[in-house]
């Protein structure tokens, strides 16, 4: 994965969110590796299910914080989340269709997009929350 893993430049600055970001990126990397290594389908299905469910829960958590603190860029941030969930559904479809190489490429692209989202939109949200003294 081109830029997998969180480093200092890939954080929001809001500890609770960054812990979730780490899990999310690690699940995506684990899925990508499992597909590339052609691990058993049941194992890969379990990883993918966890990735999708965790991502939805994480996004709901962020969106709750944004609504609670009346974050001004809520809609754009929410739209980014919707796009990521759509990409996850595409990833699932590719994998289920047996398109392993395409699924790996989509996983790489999604990882890059998520890391970019963390560096930009989530960092802006984290700064906003920290300025308010939230959490």
C-alpha atoms as a PDB file:
ATOM      1  CA  UNK A   1       0.000   0.000   0.000  1.00  0.00           C
ATOM      2  CA  UNK A   2       1.480   3.246  -1.100  1.00  0.00           C
ATOM      3  CA  UNK A   3       1.171   5.213   2.117  1.00  0.00           C
ATOM      4  CA  UNK A   4      -0.153   2.718   4.611  1.00  0.00           C
ATOM      5  CA  UNK A   5       0.275   3.346   8.289  1.00  0.00           C
ATOM      6  CA  UNK A   6      -0.198   6.387  10.422  1.00  0.00           C
ATOM      7  CA  UNK A   7       2.691   8.671  11.238  1.00  0.00           C
ATOM      8  CA  UNK A   8       2.862  12.130  12.768  1.00  0.00           C
ATOM      9  CA  UNK A   9       1.710  13.726   9.527  1.00  0.00           C
ATOM     10  CA  UNK A  10      -1.281  11.370   9.330  1.00  0.00           C
ATOM     11  CA  UNK A  11      -3.077  12.295  12.516  1.00  0.00           C
ATOM     12  CA  UNK A  12      -6.005  14.476  13.393  1.00  0.00           C
ATOM     13  CA  UNK A  13      -4.507  15.661  16.668  1.00  0.00           C
ATOM     14  CA  UNK A  14      -7.533  14.309  18.524  1.00  0.00           C
ATOM     15  CA  UNK A  15      -6.431  11.183  20.377  1.00  0.00           C
ATOM     16  CA  UNK A  16      -9.750   9.295  20.360  1.00  0.00           C
ATOM     17  CA  UNK A  17     -10.136   9.634  16.615  1.00  0.00           C
ATOM     18  CA  UNK A  18      -6.525   8.788  15.895  1.00  0.00           C
ATOM     19  CA  UNK A  19      -6.797   5.512  17.799  1.00  0.00           C
ATOM     20  CA  UNK A  20      -9.722   4.597  15.567  1.00  0.00           C
ATOM     21  CA  UNK A  21      -7.838   5.748  12.464  1.00  0.00           C
ATOM     22  CA  UNK A  22      -4.995   3.410  13.354  1.00  0.00           C
ATOM     23  CA  UNK A  23      -7.360   0.424  13.612  1.00  0.00           C
ATOM     24  CA  UNK A  24      -9.086   1.362  10.368  1.00  0.00           C
ATOM     25  CA  UNK A  25      -5.843   1.638   8.387  1.00  0.00           C
ATOM     26  CA  UNK A  26      -4.480  -1.576   9.909  1.00  0.00           C
ATOM     27  CA  UNK A  27      -7.656  -3.491   8.990  1.00  0.00           C
ATOM     28  CA  UNK A  28      -7.406  -2.229   5.416  1.00  0.00           C
ATOM     29  CA  UNK A  29      -3.730  -3.235   5.212  1.00  0.00           C
ATOM     30  CA  UNK A  30      -4.553  -6.657   6.691  1.00  0.00           C
ATOM     31  CA  UNK A  31      -7.300  -7.173   4.110  1.00  0.00           C
ATOM     32  CA  UNK A  32      -4.999  -6.162   1.264  1.00  0.00           C
ATOM     33  CA  UNK A  33      -2.240  -8.499   2.460  1.00  0.00           C
ATOM     34  CA  UNK A  34      -4.670 -11.403   2.950  1.00  0.00           C
ATOM     35  CA  UNK A  35      -5.990 -10.988  -0.599  1.00  0.00           C
ATOM     36  CA  UNK A  36      -2.480 -10.713  -2.053  1.00  0.00           C
ATOM     37  CA  UNK A  37      -1.428 -13.876  -0.188  1.00  0.00           C
ATOM     38  CA  UNK A  38      -4.590 -15.680  -1.328  1.00  0.00           C
ATOM     39  CA  UNK A  39      -5.543 -16.680   2.194  1.00  0.00           C
ATOM     40  CA  UNK A  40      -8.715 -18.740   2.688  1.00  0.00           C
ATOM     41  CA  UNK A  41     -11.923 -16.995   1.679  1.00  0.00           C
ATOM     42  CA  UNK A  42     -13.462 -17.314   5.154  1.00  0.00           C
ATOM     43  CA  UNK A  43     -10.508 -15.497   6.705  1.00  0.00           C
ATOM     44  CA  UNK A  44     -10.625 -12.709   4.135  1.00  0.00           C
ATOM     45  CA  UNK A  45     -14.420 -12.390   4.458  1.00  0.00           C
ATOM     46  CA  UNK A  46     -14.029 -11.937   8.217  1.00  0.00           C
ATOM     47  CA  UNK A  47     -11.376  -9.246   7.809  1.00  0.00           C
ATOM     48  CA  UNK A  48     -13.466  -7.408   5.202  1.00  0.00           C
ATOM     49  CA  UNK A  49     -16.596  -7.570   7.353  1.00  0.00           C
ATOM     50  CA  UNK A  50     -14.666  -6.149  10.320  1.00  0.00           C
ATOM     51  CA  UNK A  51     -13.176  -3.410   8.137  1.00  0.00           C
ATOM     52  CA  UNK A  52     -16.542  -2.309   6.785  1.00  0.00           C
ATOM     53  CA  UNK A  53     -18.321  -2.459  10.138  1.00  0.00           C
ATOM     54  CA  UNK A  54     -15.510  -0.691  11.996  1.00  0.00           C
ATOM     55  CA  UNK A  55     -15.331   2.027   9.347  1.00  0.00           C
ATOM     56  CA  UNK A  56     -19.065   2.680   9.591  1.00  0.00           C
ATOM     57  CA  UNK A  57     -18.905   2.841  13.395  1.00  0.00           C
ATOM     58  CA  UNK A  58     -15.880   5.166  13.250  1.00  0.00           C
ATOM     59  CA  UNK A  59     -17.577   7.479  10.769  1.00  0.00           C
ATOM     60  CA  UNK A  60     -20.723   7.551  12.900  1.00  0.00           C
ATOM     61  CA  UNK A  61     -18.559   8.457  15.899  1.00  0.00           C
ATOM     62  CA  UNK A  62     -16.962  11.348  14.028  1.00  0.00           C
ATOM     63  CA  UNK A  63     -20.311  12.529  12.711  1.00  0.00           C
ATOM     64  CA  UNK A  64     -21.787  12.490  16.203  1.00  0.00           C
ATOM     65  CA  UNK A  65     -18.923  14.659  17.451  1.00  0.00           C
ATOM     66  CA  UNK A  66     -19.385  17.037  14.520  1.00  0.00           C
ATOM     67  CA  UNK A  67     -23.116  17.384  15.205  1.00  0.00           C
ATOM     68  CA  UNK A  68     -22.627  17.666  18.953  1.00  0.00           C
ATOM     69  CA  UNK A  69     -20.138  20.520  18.573  1.00  0.00           C
ATOM     70  CA  UNK A  70     -21.833  22.063  15.512  1.00  0.00           C
ATOM     71  CA  UNK A  71     -18.835  21.607  13.245  1.00  0.00           C
ATOM     72  CA  UNK A  72     -19.179  24.053  10.334  1.00  0.00           C
ATOM     73  CA  UNK A  73     -17.785  21.678   7.674  1.00  0.00           C
ATOM     74  CA  UNK A  74     -20.048  18.795   8.667  1.00  0.00           C
ATOM     75  CA  UNK A  75     -21.688  18.152   5.293  1.00  0.00           C
ATOM     76  CA  UNK A  76     -18.468  18.030   3.278  1.00  0.00           C
ATOM     77  CA  UNK A  77     -16.886  15.742   5.889  1.00  0.00           C
ATOM     78  CA  UNK A  78     -19.986  13.532   5.893  1.00  0.00           C
ATOM     79  CA  UNK A  79     -19.861  13.337   2.090  1.00  0.00           C
ATOM     80  CA  UNK A  80     -16.224  12.168   2.283  1.00  0.00           C
ATOM     81  CA  UNK A  81     -17.363   9.395   4.629  1.00  0.00           C
ATOM     82  CA  UNK A  82     -20.141   8.366   2.249  1.00  0.00           C
ATOM     83  CA  UNK A  83     -17.626   8.170  -0.603  1.00  0.00           C
ATOM     84  CA  UNK A  84     -15.321   5.971   1.476  1.00  0.00           C
ATOM     85  CA  UNK A  85     -18.186   3.604   2.343  1.00  0.00           C
ATOM     86  CA  UNK A  86     -19.063   3.403  -1.371  1.00  0.00           C
ATOM     87  CA  UNK A  87     -15.423   2.516  -2.092  1.00  0.00           C
ATOM     88  CA  UNK A  88     -15.606  -0.225   0.534  1.00  0.00           C
ATOM     89  CA  UNK A  89     -18.711  -1.632  -1.138  1.00  0.00           C
ATOM     90  CA  UNK A  90     -16.877  -1.566  -4.488  1.00  0.00           C
ATOM     91  CA  UNK A  91     -13.974  -3.343  -2.820  1.00  0.00           C
ATOM     92  CA  UNK A  92     -16.336  -6.031  -1.531  1.00  0.00           C
ATOM     93  CA  UNK A  93     -17.905  -6.487  -4.981  1.00  0.00           C
ATOM     94  CA  UNK A  94     -14.503  -6.807  -6.652  1.00  0.00           C
ATOM     95  CA  UNK A  95     -13.323  -9.321  -4.095  1.00  0.00           C
ATOM     96  CA  UNK A  96     -16.518 -11.401  -4.296  1.00  0.00           C
ATOM     97  CA  UNK A  97     -16.244 -11.399  -8.101  1.00  0.00           C
ATOM     98  CA  UNK A  98     -12.795 -12.969  -7.777  1.00  0.00           C
ATOM     99  CA  UNK A  99     -11.021  -9.850  -9.007  1.00  0.00           C
ATOM    100  CA  UNK A 100      -8.136 -10.111  -6.530  1.00  0.00           C
ATOM    101  CA  UNK A 101      -5.729  -7.771  -8.340  1.00  0.00           C
ATOM    102  CA  UNK A 102      -8.448  -5.168  -8.805  1.00  0.00           C
ATOM    103  CA  UNK A 103      -9.433  -5.503  -5.126  1.00  0.00           C
ATOM    104  CA  UNK A 104      -5.801  -4.955  -4.114  1.00  0.00           C
ATOM    105  CA  UNK A 105      -5.592  -1.850  -6.311  1.00  0.00           C
ATOM    106  CA  UNK A 106      -8.850  -0.535  -4.869  1.00  0.00           C
ATOM    107  CA  UNK A 107      -7.581  -1.204  -1.331  1.00  0.00           C
ATOM    108  CA  UNK A 108      -4.398   0.750  -2.109  1.00  0.00           C
ATOM    109  CA  UNK A 109      -6.393   3.636  -3.558  1.00  0.00           C
ATOM    110  CA  UNK A 110      -8.757   3.652  -0.586  1.00  0.00           C
ATOM    111  CA  UNK A 111      -5.822   3.651   1.858  1.00  0.00           C
ATOM    112  CA  UNK A 112      -4.347   6.690   0.100  1.00  0.00           C
ATOM    113  CA  UNK A 113      -7.715   8.470   0.171  1.00  0.00           C
ATOM    114  CA  UNK A 114      -8.284   7.668   3.852  1.00  0.00           C
ATOM    115  CA  UNK A 115      -4.804   8.866   4.805  1.00  0.00           C
ATOM    116  CA  UNK A 116      -5.364  12.067   2.820  1.00  0.00           C
ATOM    117  CA  UNK A 117      -8.740  12.517   4.563  1.00  0.00           C
ATOM    118  CA  UNK A 118      -7.053  12.089   7.949  1.00  0.00           C
ATOM    119  CA  UNK A 119      -4.306  14.591   7.052  1.00  0.00           C
ATOM    120  CA  UNK A 120      -6.797  17.207   5.872  1.00  0.00           C
ATOM    121  CA  UNK A 121     -10.449  16.917   6.903  1.00  0.00           C
ATOM    122  CA  UNK A 122      -9.843  15.010  10.137  1.00  0.00           C
ATOM    123  CA  UNK A 123      -6.949  17.267  11.109  1.00  0.00           C
ATOM    124  CA  UNK A 124      -9.250  20.291  10.661  1.00  0.00           C
ATOM    125  CA  UNK A 125     -11.898  18.555  12.767  1.00  0.00           C
ATOM    126  CA  UNK A 126      -9.339  17.610  15.417  1.00  0.00           C
ATOM    127  CA  UNK A 127      -8.082  21.198  15.635  1.00  0.00           C
ATOM    128  CA  UNK A 128     -11.657  22.447  15.938  1.00  0.00           C
ATOM    129  CA  UNK A 129     -12.408  19.997  18.762  1.00  0.00           C
ATOM    130  CA  UNK A 130      -9.164  20.774  20.601  1.00  0.00           C
ATOM    131  CA  UNK A 131      -9.821  24.534  20.386  1.00  0.00           C
ATOM    132  CA  UNK A 132     -13.223  23.935  21.973  1.00  0.00           C
ATOM    133  CA  UNK A 133     -11.656  21.851  24.719  1.00  0.00           C
ATOM    134  CA  UNK A 134     -13.753  18.833  23.678  1.00  0.00           C
ATOM    135  CA  UNK A 135     -12.621  15.491  25.053  1.00  0.00           C
END
